[in-house]
Every structure is written in C-alpha cells, then in structure tokens.
Amino acid sequence: MRFDKALHDELVGMLERDQAELNGVPQTDTADQRTARLKEIIAKHGWPTFDLVGRDGGNAAWAIAQHSDLDLAFQQQALELLRDAVARGQASPGNLAYLEDRVAVAKGEPQTYGTQMRCGPDGPAPTTPIRDEAGVDKRRATAGLDPLAEYLTEMASICAEDDSR
C-alpha cells in the first residue's frame, strides 16, 4: 500500500477542524459530517494505516472516530478495524486503548485502561469503573500509556483549568 498524501492531508485537516470546534471555534463542517467522511474513507480504504496515511494521519482518523460519540455502531466498527491494524503494527496501541474504553463507557461497561475520566468536585474520576484496577498499569504499559497515577495528575490539571474558566 502506497502513502496517499491527499488522504493524509484531508485527515489531518479534519482533525484540526475537530480540535478547533472542541475549543469553541465554529467550523465549516460538523462533527457528524467528519464522522460521515471517515466512514466513506474506511469503506474505500479500510482503516487508515500508517503505511497509507502516516502516523499523524492514522492518529487523526482515530481522533475523529474517538469523537464520533453520537454513532456508537460506527465507533464499534472503527474499534474492530483499529484492533486489526494494531495487530499488524499499522496503528497505535495507545489509540486502541482509548477507543476500547470510549466504547465500553458508551455501553455503560467497565473500562480496561482508565482513559475516560470526568472532572468531579474532588478532581478527575473514571467515567465508569476500571476493570481489574490492580492490573491497570500493566495494561496501560502494554498500550504505551503512562501509569494511571500520572494520567490522573495530568487530568487534575485539566480539571483545574476547566474550573478556572
């Protein structure tokens, strides 16, 4: 599979608009439109792999899928494709961990890696319980993620920043 610069650039642009919109800057397309476009890309190419779109293009595709919360069926499809791409060394294990947890939380199930947090009155807290919390740091390490305590410290800063706004 050859690198597709146009597809890479499109995905990176979609991510830039996604992030700007999350920061309150209106965009020419909506999150739903970006989800629909990612569905088209996946229908044509399969999961956007590192070989096809580079690491930043693959990360952009993951972020769009991660933020497709209004389409759980699509997130589950993306999860299966991402799982396969990770197994072939063509996508990020850390991204897979985040999407695994995002889908679990959407289904009201315990998360595996503790990536989905909410800001509560006492700081960050898991959105749903963490399965086998004693083993979470081992699973996080396997996915290339920092230990949970470090992530909670990072999230505490984000929660404090949100509170100050």
N, C-alpha and C. Protein backbone atom coordinates (compact mmCIF):
# COMPACT_ATOMS: atom_id res chain seq x y z
N MET A 1 0.85 -1.18 0.00
CA MET A 1 0.00 0.00 0.00
C MET A 1 0.89 1.24 0.00
N ARG A 2 0.61 2.16 -0.90
CA ARG A 2 1.43 3.35 -1.01
C ARG A 2 0.86 4.49 -0.19
N PHE A 3 1.75 5.36 0.26
CA PHE A 3 1.36 6.55 1.02
C PHE A 3 0.47 7.43 0.14
N ASP A 4 -0.66 7.87 0.70
CA ASP A 4 -1.62 8.72 -0.01
C ASP A 4 -1.59 10.11 0.64
N LYS A 5 -0.81 11.01 0.04
CA LYS A 5 -0.63 12.34 0.63
C LYS A 5 -1.94 13.12 0.70
N ALA A 6 -2.76 13.02 -0.33
CA ALA A 6 -4.03 13.76 -0.33
C ALA A 6 -4.93 13.27 0.82
N LEU A 7 -4.99 11.96 1.01
CA LEU A 7 -5.81 11.41 2.10
C LEU A 7 -5.20 11.80 3.45
N HIS A 8 -3.89 11.73 3.57
CA HIS A 8 -3.20 12.17 4.78
C HIS A 8 -3.59 13.61 5.10
N ASP A 9 -3.46 14.49 4.12
CA ASP A 9 -3.74 15.91 4.33
C ASP A 9 -5.21 16.14 4.70
N GLU A 10 -6.09 15.38 4.08
CA GLU A 10 -7.52 15.51 4.40
C GLU A 10 -7.78 15.11 5.85
N LEU A 11 -7.22 13.99 6.29
CA LEU A 11 -7.43 13.54 7.67
C LEU A 11 -6.85 14.52 8.67
N VAL A 12 -5.65 15.01 8.42
CA VAL A 12 -5.03 15.97 9.33
C VAL A 12 -5.88 17.25 9.38
N GLY A 13 -6.40 17.68 8.25
CA GLY A 13 -7.28 18.85 8.23
C GLY A 13 -8.56 18.61 9.01
N MET A 14 -9.11 17.40 8.88
CA MET A 14 -10.32 17.05 9.65
C MET A 14 -10.04 17.14 11.14
N LEU A 15 -8.88 16.65 11.56
CA LEU A 15 -8.52 16.71 12.98
C LEU A 15 -8.36 18.15 13.44
N GLU A 16 -7.73 18.98 12.63
CA GLU A 16 -7.56 20.39 13.00
C GLU A 16 -8.92 21.05 13.21
N ARG A 17 -9.87 20.76 12.35
CA ARG A 17 -11.22 21.34 12.49
C ARG A 17 -11.92 20.75 13.70
N ASP A 18 -11.73 19.45 13.95
CA ASP A 18 -12.30 18.79 15.12
C ASP A 18 -11.82 19.48 16.40
N GLN A 19 -10.51 19.66 16.49
CA GLN A 19 -9.93 20.27 17.70
C GLN A 19 -10.38 21.72 17.86
N ALA A 20 -10.43 22.46 16.76
CA ALA A 20 -10.88 23.86 16.83
C ALA A 20 -12.32 23.92 17.31
N GLU A 21 -13.16 23.03 16.79
CA GLU A 21 -14.57 23.01 17.20
C GLU A 21 -14.70 22.67 18.69
N LEU A 22 -13.89 21.71 19.17
CA LEU A 22 -13.91 21.37 20.59
C LEU A 22 -13.51 22.56 21.46
N ASN A 23 -12.72 23.47 20.89
CA ASN A 23 -12.30 24.67 21.61
C ASN A 23 -13.23 25.85 21.35
N GLY A 24 -14.41 25.58 20.78
CA GLY A 24 -15.44 26.60 20.64
C GLY A 24 -15.35 27.44 19.37
N VAL A 25 -14.50 27.05 18.42
CA VAL A 25 -14.37 27.81 17.18
C VAL A 25 -15.25 27.13 16.12
N PRO A 26 -16.31 27.80 15.66
CA PRO A 26 -17.18 27.20 14.64
C PRO A 26 -16.39 26.82 13.38
N GLN A 27 -16.79 25.69 12.78
CA GLN A 27 -16.10 25.18 11.59
C GLN A 27 -17.06 25.08 10.41
N THR A 28 -16.49 24.90 9.22
CA THR A 28 -17.31 24.79 8.01
C THR A 28 -18.00 23.44 7.92
N ASP A 29 -17.48 22.44 8.64
CA ASP A 29 -18.15 21.15 8.71
C ASP A 29 -18.42 20.81 10.17
N THR A 30 -19.31 19.86 10.37
CA THR A 30 -19.69 19.46 11.73
C THR A 30 -19.01 18.14 12.10
N ALA A 31 -19.08 17.81 13.36
CA ALA A 31 -18.55 16.52 13.81
C ALA A 31 -19.26 15.39 13.07
N ASP A 32 -20.57 15.51 12.88
CA ASP A 32 -21.32 14.48 12.15
C ASP A 32 -20.82 14.34 10.71
N GLN A 33 -20.51 15.46 10.08
CA GLN A 33 -20.00 15.42 8.71
C GLN A 33 -18.61 14.78 8.67
N ARG A 34 -17.79 15.07 9.66
CA ARG A 34 -16.46 14.46 9.71
C ARG A 34 -16.58 12.95 9.94
N THR A 35 -17.53 12.54 10.79
CA THR A 35 -17.77 11.11 11.00
C THR A 35 -18.21 10.46 9.70
N ALA A 36 -19.13 11.09 8.99
CA ALA A 36 -19.62 10.54 7.72
C ALA A 36 -18.47 10.41 6.72
N ARG A 37 -17.59 11.40 6.68
CA ARG A 37 -16.48 11.34 5.74
C ARG A 37 -15.50 10.23 6.13
N LEU A 38 -15.25 10.05 7.43
CA LEU A 38 -14.37 8.97 7.86
C LEU A 38 -14.98 7.62 7.50
N LYS A 39 -16.30 7.48 7.61
CA LYS A 39 -16.97 6.25 7.20
C LYS A 39 -16.70 5.97 5.72
N GLU A 40 -16.79 7.02 4.88
CA GLU A 40 -16.52 6.86 3.45
C GLU A 40 -15.07 6.41 3.21
N ILE A 41 -14.16 7.04 3.93
CA ILE A 41 -12.74 6.69 3.79
C ILE A 41 -12.51 5.23 4.18
N ILE A 42 -13.11 4.81 5.29
CA ILE A 42 -12.95 3.43 5.75
C ILE A 42 -13.60 2.45 4.77
N ALA A 43 -14.75 2.82 4.21
CA ALA A 43 -15.41 1.94 3.24
C ALA A 43 -14.52 1.73 2.01
N LYS A 44 -13.78 2.76 1.64
CA LYS A 44 -12.93 2.66 0.45
C LYS A 44 -11.56 2.04 0.74
N HIS A 45 -10.95 2.40 1.86
CA HIS A 45 -9.56 2.02 2.12
C HIS A 45 -9.36 1.05 3.29
N GLY A 46 -10.41 0.80 4.09
CA GLY A 46 -10.21 0.12 5.35
C GLY A 46 -9.67 1.14 6.36
N TRP A 47 -9.17 0.65 7.49
CA TRP A 47 -8.64 1.59 8.49
C TRP A 47 -7.45 2.34 7.88
N PRO A 48 -7.38 3.67 8.08
CA PRO A 48 -6.24 4.45 7.56
C PRO A 48 -4.95 4.10 8.32
N THR A 49 -4.16 3.24 7.73
CA THR A 49 -2.95 2.71 8.36
C THR A 49 -1.79 3.69 8.26
N PHE A 50 -0.75 3.40 9.04
CA PHE A 50 0.47 4.20 8.98
C PHE A 50 1.06 4.20 7.57
N ASP A 51 1.06 3.03 6.90
CA ASP A 51 1.60 2.98 5.55
C ASP A 51 0.81 3.86 4.60
N LEU A 52 -0.51 3.90 4.77
CA LEU A 52 -1.37 4.66 3.86
C LEU A 52 -1.33 6.16 4.12
N VAL A 53 -1.38 6.56 5.40
CA VAL A 53 -1.53 7.99 5.71
C VAL A 53 -0.51 8.52 6.72
N GLY A 54 0.48 7.71 7.10
CA GLY A 54 1.46 8.14 8.08
C GLY A 54 0.90 8.08 9.49
N ARG A 55 1.78 8.28 10.45
CA ARG A 55 1.34 8.23 11.86
C ARG A 55 0.36 9.34 12.20
N ASP A 56 0.65 10.56 11.74
CA ASP A 56 -0.25 11.66 12.08
C ASP A 56 -1.60 11.51 11.39
N GLY A 57 -1.62 10.96 10.19
CA GLY A 57 -2.89 10.70 9.50
C GLY A 57 -3.68 9.62 10.21
N GLY A 58 -2.99 8.55 10.64
CA GLY A 58 -3.66 7.49 11.39
C GLY A 58 -4.18 7.98 12.72
N ASN A 59 -3.39 8.82 13.39
CA ASN A 59 -3.84 9.40 14.66
C ASN A 59 -5.04 10.31 14.45
N ALA A 60 -5.06 11.03 13.34
CA ALA A 60 -6.20 11.91 13.03
C ALA A 60 -7.46 11.08 12.82
N ALA A 61 -7.34 9.97 12.08
CA ALA A 61 -8.50 9.10 11.86
C ALA A 61 -9.03 8.58 13.19
N TRP A 62 -8.11 8.16 14.07
CA TRP A 62 -8.53 7.67 15.38
C TRP A 62 -9.27 8.76 16.16
N ALA A 63 -8.76 9.98 16.16
CA ALA A 63 -9.39 11.06 16.93
C ALA A 63 -10.80 11.34 16.42
N ILE A 64 -10.98 11.31 15.10
CA ILE A 64 -12.32 11.53 14.55
C ILE A 64 -13.25 10.40 15.00
N ALA A 65 -12.77 9.17 14.94
CA ALA A 65 -13.58 8.03 15.41
C ALA A 65 -13.86 8.16 16.91
N GLN A 66 -12.85 8.56 17.67
CA GLN A 66 -12.99 8.72 19.12
C GLN A 66 -14.07 9.75 19.46
N HIS A 67 -14.19 10.78 18.64
CA HIS A 67 -15.16 11.85 18.90
C HIS A 67 -16.49 11.63 18.19
N SER A 68 -16.70 10.45 17.64
CA SER A 68 -17.96 10.12 16.96
C SER A 68 -18.96 9.51 17.94
N ASP A 69 -19.10 10.16 19.08
CA ASP A 69 -19.90 9.62 20.18
C ASP A 69 -21.38 9.43 19.85
N LEU A 70 -21.88 10.14 18.86
CA LEU A 70 -23.30 10.00 18.53
C LEU A 70 -23.56 8.82 17.61
N ASP A 71 -22.50 8.08 17.27
CA ASP A 71 -22.63 6.93 16.37
C ASP A 71 -21.84 5.75 16.95
N LEU A 72 -22.41 5.14 17.98
CA LEU A 72 -21.73 4.04 18.67
C LEU A 72 -21.46 2.86 17.73
N ALA A 73 -22.39 2.59 16.82
CA ALA A 73 -22.18 1.47 15.88
C ALA A 73 -20.92 1.72 15.05
N PHE A 74 -20.72 2.96 14.61
CA PHE A 74 -19.52 3.29 13.85
C PHE A 74 -18.28 3.17 14.73
N GLN A 75 -18.37 3.66 15.97
CA GLN A 75 -17.21 3.54 16.86
C GLN A 75 -16.84 2.08 17.07
N GLN A 76 -17.82 1.21 17.19
CA GLN A 76 -17.54 -0.22 17.36
C GLN A 76 -16.89 -0.79 16.10
N GLN A 77 -17.36 -0.37 14.91
CA GLN A 77 -16.75 -0.81 13.66
C GLN A 77 -15.29 -0.33 13.60
N ALA A 78 -15.08 0.94 13.92
CA ALA A 78 -13.73 1.51 13.91
C ALA A 78 -12.84 0.76 14.89
N LEU A 79 -13.39 0.41 16.05
CA LEU A 79 -12.63 -0.33 17.07
C LEU A 79 -12.13 -1.66 16.51
N GLU A 80 -12.99 -2.40 15.84
CA GLU A 80 -12.59 -3.69 15.26
C GLU A 80 -11.48 -3.51 14.22
N LEU A 81 -11.64 -2.50 13.36
CA LEU A 81 -10.64 -2.25 12.32
C LEU A 81 -9.32 -1.78 12.93
N LEU A 82 -9.42 -0.93 13.95
CA LEU A 82 -8.23 -0.43 14.63
C LEU A 82 -7.50 -1.57 15.34
N ARG A 83 -8.25 -2.47 15.95
CA ARG A 83 -7.66 -3.63 16.63
C ARG A 83 -6.81 -4.44 15.64
N ASP A 84 -7.35 -4.66 14.45
CA ASP A 84 -6.64 -5.41 13.42
C ASP A 84 -5.40 -4.65 12.96
N ALA A 85 -5.54 -3.33 12.77
CA ALA A 85 -4.40 -2.52 12.32
C ALA A 85 -3.29 -2.52 13.37
N VAL A 86 -3.64 -2.45 14.64
CA VAL A 86 -2.63 -2.50 15.71
C VAL A 86 -1.92 -3.86 15.68
N ALA A 87 -2.67 -4.93 15.49
CA ALA A 87 -2.08 -6.27 15.45
C ALA A 87 -1.06 -6.39 14.31
N ARG A 88 -1.26 -5.60 13.25
CA ARG A 88 -0.33 -5.62 12.11
C ARG A 88 0.74 -4.53 12.22
N GLY A 89 0.78 -3.81 13.35
CA GLY A 89 1.77 -2.76 13.54
C GLY A 89 1.48 -1.52 12.71
N GLN A 90 0.21 -1.34 12.33
CA GLN A 90 -0.18 -0.25 11.44
C GLN A 90 -1.04 0.81 12.12
N ALA A 91 -1.12 0.77 13.44
CA ALA A 91 -1.86 1.78 14.20
C ALA A 91 -1.34 1.77 15.64
N SER A 92 -1.67 2.79 16.38
CA SER A 92 -1.17 2.99 17.74
C SER A 92 -1.92 2.16 18.77
N PRO A 93 -1.20 1.35 19.57
CA PRO A 93 -1.85 0.62 20.67
C PRO A 93 -2.49 1.57 21.69
N GLY A 94 -1.89 2.73 21.91
CA GLY A 94 -2.47 3.70 22.83
C GLY A 94 -3.81 4.22 22.33
N ASN A 95 -3.89 4.49 21.04
CA ASN A 95 -5.17 4.93 20.45
C ASN A 95 -6.22 3.85 20.61
N LEU A 96 -5.81 2.60 20.41
CA LEU A 96 -6.73 1.48 20.58
C LEU A 96 -7.25 1.44 22.01
N ALA A 97 -6.37 1.64 22.98
CA ALA A 97 -6.79 1.63 24.39
C ALA A 97 -7.85 2.69 24.65
N TYR A 98 -7.62 3.90 24.14
CA TYR A 98 -8.60 4.97 24.34
C TYR A 98 -9.95 4.63 23.70
N LEU A 99 -9.93 4.09 22.48
CA LEU A 99 -11.19 3.77 21.81
C LEU A 99 -11.88 2.59 22.48
N GLU A 100 -11.10 1.60 22.95
CA GLU A 100 -11.68 0.47 23.70
C GLU A 100 -12.48 1.01 24.89
N ASP A 101 -11.85 1.92 25.65
CA ASP A 101 -12.51 2.48 26.83
C ASP A 101 -13.70 3.36 26.44
N ARG A 102 -13.57 4.14 25.38
CA ARG A 102 -14.65 5.04 24.96
C ARG A 102 -15.90 4.24 24.63
N VAL A 103 -15.72 3.14 23.90
CA VAL A 103 -16.86 2.30 23.52
C VAL A 103 -17.43 1.62 24.76
N ALA A 104 -16.59 1.12 25.65
CA ALA A 104 -17.07 0.48 26.87
C ALA A 104 -17.91 1.45 27.71
N VAL A 105 -17.42 2.68 27.86
CA VAL A 105 -18.14 3.69 28.64
C VAL A 105 -19.49 3.99 27.99
N ALA A 106 -19.51 4.11 26.67
CA ALA A 106 -20.76 4.39 25.97
C ALA A 106 -21.79 3.29 26.19
N LYS A 107 -21.29 2.07 26.39
CA LYS A 107 -22.18 0.94 26.65
C LYS A 107 -22.45 0.74 28.14
N GLY A 108 -21.89 1.63 28.99
CA GLY A 108 -22.09 1.52 30.43
C GLY A 108 -21.29 0.40 31.06
N GLU A 109 -20.21 -0.02 30.39
CA GLU A 109 -19.40 -1.13 30.88
C GLU A 109 -18.12 -0.61 31.53
N PRO A 110 -17.47 -1.43 32.36
CA PRO A 110 -16.19 -1.01 32.94
C PRO A 110 -15.15 -0.80 31.84
N GLN A 111 -14.26 0.14 32.08
CA GLN A 111 -13.19 0.38 31.11
C GLN A 111 -11.96 -0.46 31.48
N THR A 112 -11.11 -0.68 30.50
CA THR A 112 -9.95 -1.54 30.67
C THR A 112 -8.70 -0.77 31.05
N TYR A 113 -8.55 0.44 30.49
CA TYR A 113 -7.29 1.19 30.64
C TYR A 113 -7.43 2.46 31.50
N GLY A 114 -8.64 2.81 31.90
CA GLY A 114 -8.83 4.00 32.72
C GLY A 114 -8.55 5.31 31.98
N THR A 115 -8.89 5.35 30.70
CA THR A 115 -8.61 6.56 29.91
C THR A 115 -9.75 7.57 29.91
N GLN A 116 -10.94 7.13 30.28
CA GLN A 116 -12.11 8.00 30.20
C GLN A 116 -12.43 8.55 31.58
N MET A 117 -12.17 9.84 31.74
CA MET A 117 -12.34 10.50 33.04
C MET A 117 -13.35 11.64 32.92
N ARG A 118 -13.90 11.99 34.06
CA ARG A 118 -14.74 13.19 34.16
C ARG A 118 -14.17 14.03 35.29
N CYS A 119 -14.43 15.31 35.23
CA CYS A 119 -13.98 16.20 36.30
C CYS A 119 -15.09 16.29 37.34
N GLY A 120 -14.81 15.78 38.53
CA GLY A 120 -15.77 15.83 39.62
C GLY A 120 -15.35 16.87 40.65
N PRO A 121 -16.12 17.01 41.70
CA PRO A 121 -15.80 18.01 42.73
C PRO A 121 -14.45 17.76 43.40
N ASP A 122 -14.01 16.51 43.42
CA ASP A 122 -12.73 16.16 44.03
C ASP A 122 -11.65 15.89 42.99
N GLY A 123 -11.85 16.40 41.78
CA GLY A 123 -10.88 16.18 40.71
C GLY A 123 -11.34 15.09 39.76
N PRO A 124 -10.40 14.53 38.99
CA PRO A 124 -10.78 13.55 37.97
C PRO A 124 -11.24 12.23 38.60
N ALA A 125 -12.21 11.62 37.93
CA ALA A 125 -12.71 10.31 38.36
C ALA A 125 -13.07 9.51 37.11
N PRO A 126 -12.87 8.19 37.13
CA PRO A 126 -13.25 7.39 35.97
C PRO A 126 -14.73 7.53 35.66
N THR A 127 -15.06 7.64 34.37
CA THR A 127 -16.44 7.76 33.94
C THR A 127 -17.23 6.51 34.28
N THR A 128 -16.62 5.36 34.11
CA THR A 128 -17.16 4.08 34.58
C THR A 128 -16.02 3.40 35.34
N PRO A 129 -16.34 2.41 36.18
CA PRO A 129 -15.27 1.75 36.94
C PRO A 129 -14.21 1.14 36.02
N ILE A 130 -13.02 0.97 36.56
CA ILE A 130 -11.92 0.34 35.82
C ILE A 130 -11.90 -1.13 36.19
N ARG A 131 -11.98 -1.97 35.15
CA ARG A 131 -11.94 -3.43 35.34
C ARG A 131 -10.56 -3.81 35.90
N ASP A 132 -10.54 -4.65 36.90
CA ASP A 132 -9.28 -5.14 37.48
C ASP A 132 -8.29 -4.00 37.67
N GLU A 133 -8.67 -3.05 38.53
CA GLU A 133 -7.85 -1.85 38.72
C GLU A 133 -6.42 -2.19 39.15
N ALA A 134 -6.23 -3.28 39.86
CA ALA A 134 -4.88 -3.67 40.29
C ALA A 134 -3.96 -3.93 39.10
N GLY A 135 -4.52 -4.37 37.98
CA GLY A 135 -3.71 -4.67 36.80
C GLY A 135 -3.70 -3.58 35.75
N VAL A 136 -4.31 -2.43 36.06
CA VAL A 136 -4.46 -1.39 35.03
C VAL A 136 -3.12 -0.85 34.54
N ASP A 137 -2.16 -0.66 35.44
CA ASP A 137 -0.88 -0.09 35.00
C ASP A 137 -0.13 -1.03 34.05
N LYS A 138 -0.26 -2.33 34.27
CA LYS A 138 0.36 -3.29 33.36
C LYS A 138 -0.29 -3.19 31.98
N ARG A 139 -1.61 -3.11 31.94
CA ARG A 139 -2.31 -2.98 30.65
C ARG A 139 -1.96 -1.65 29.99
N ARG A 140 -1.91 -0.57 30.77
CA ARG A 140 -1.56 0.74 30.22
C ARG A 140 -0.14 0.70 29.63
N ALA A 141 0.79 0.06 30.32
CA ALA A 141 2.17 -0.02 29.83
C ALA A 141 2.22 -0.78 28.51
N THR A 142 1.47 -1.87 28.42
CA THR A 142 1.43 -2.64 27.18
C THR A 142 0.93 -1.80 26.01
N ALA A 143 0.03 -0.85 26.30
CA ALA A 143 -0.51 0.03 25.26
C ALA A 143 0.36 1.27 25.04
N GLY A 144 1.45 1.38 25.81
CA GLY A 144 2.32 2.54 25.66
C GLY A 144 1.83 3.77 26.40
N LEU A 145 0.95 3.57 27.38
CA LEU A 145 0.40 4.69 28.15
C LEU A 145 1.13 4.83 29.48
N ASP A 146 1.16 6.06 30.01
CA ASP A 146 1.74 6.32 31.32
C ASP A 146 0.92 5.62 32.40
N PRO A 147 1.52 5.39 33.56
CA PRO A 147 0.76 4.81 34.68
C PRO A 147 -0.47 5.67 35.02
N LEU A 148 -1.48 5.02 35.58
CA LEU A 148 -2.73 5.70 35.89
C LEU A 148 -2.51 6.91 36.80
N ALA A 149 -1.63 6.79 37.79
CA ALA A 149 -1.39 7.91 38.71
C ALA A 149 -0.90 9.15 37.96
N GLU A 150 -0.02 8.94 36.98
CA GLU A 150 0.47 10.09 36.18
C GLU A 150 -0.65 10.68 35.35
N TYR A 151 -1.48 9.83 34.77
CA TYR A 151 -2.61 10.30 33.97
C TYR A 151 -3.58 11.09 34.85
N LEU A 152 -3.83 10.62 36.06
CA LEU A 152 -4.73 11.33 36.98
C LEU A 152 -4.16 12.70 37.34
N THR A 153 -2.84 12.80 37.51
CA THR A 153 -2.21 14.09 37.79
C THR A 153 -2.41 15.04 36.61
N GLU A 154 -2.21 14.52 35.40
CA GLU A 154 -2.42 15.33 34.18
C GLU A 154 -3.89 15.77 34.09
N MET A 155 -4.79 14.85 34.35
CA MET A 155 -6.22 15.18 34.30
C MET A 155 -6.61 16.17 35.39
N ALA A 156 -5.97 16.11 36.55
CA ALA A 156 -6.26 17.06 37.62
C ALA A 156 -5.95 18.47 37.16
N SER A 157 -4.85 18.65 36.41
CA SER A 157 -4.50 19.96 35.87
C SER A 157 -5.55 20.45 34.89
N ILE A 158 -6.04 19.53 34.04
CA ILE A 158 -7.07 19.87 33.06
C ILE A 158 -8.36 20.24 33.77
N CYS A 159 -8.73 19.49 34.79
CA CYS A 159 -9.95 19.77 35.55
C CYS A 159 -9.84 21.14 36.24
N ALA A 160 -8.68 21.43 36.81
CA ALA A 160 -8.47 22.72 37.49
C ALA A 160 -8.54 23.86 36.49
N GLU A 161 -8.00 23.65 35.30
CA GLU A 161 -8.06 24.67 34.25
C GLU A 161 -9.52 24.92 33.83
N ASP A 162 -10.28 23.82 33.69
CA ASP A 162 -11.68 23.95 33.32
C ASP A 162 -12.47 24.70 34.40
N ASP A 163 -12.14 24.43 35.68
CA ASP A 163 -12.83 25.10 36.78
C ASP A 163 -12.54 26.59 36.81
N SER A 164 -11.36 26.99 36.33
CA SER A 164 -10.98 28.40 36.39
C SER A 164 -11.60 29.22 35.26
N ARG A 165 -12.24 28.56 34.33
CA ARG A 165 -12.84 29.29 33.20
C ARG A 165 -14.20 29.81 33.52
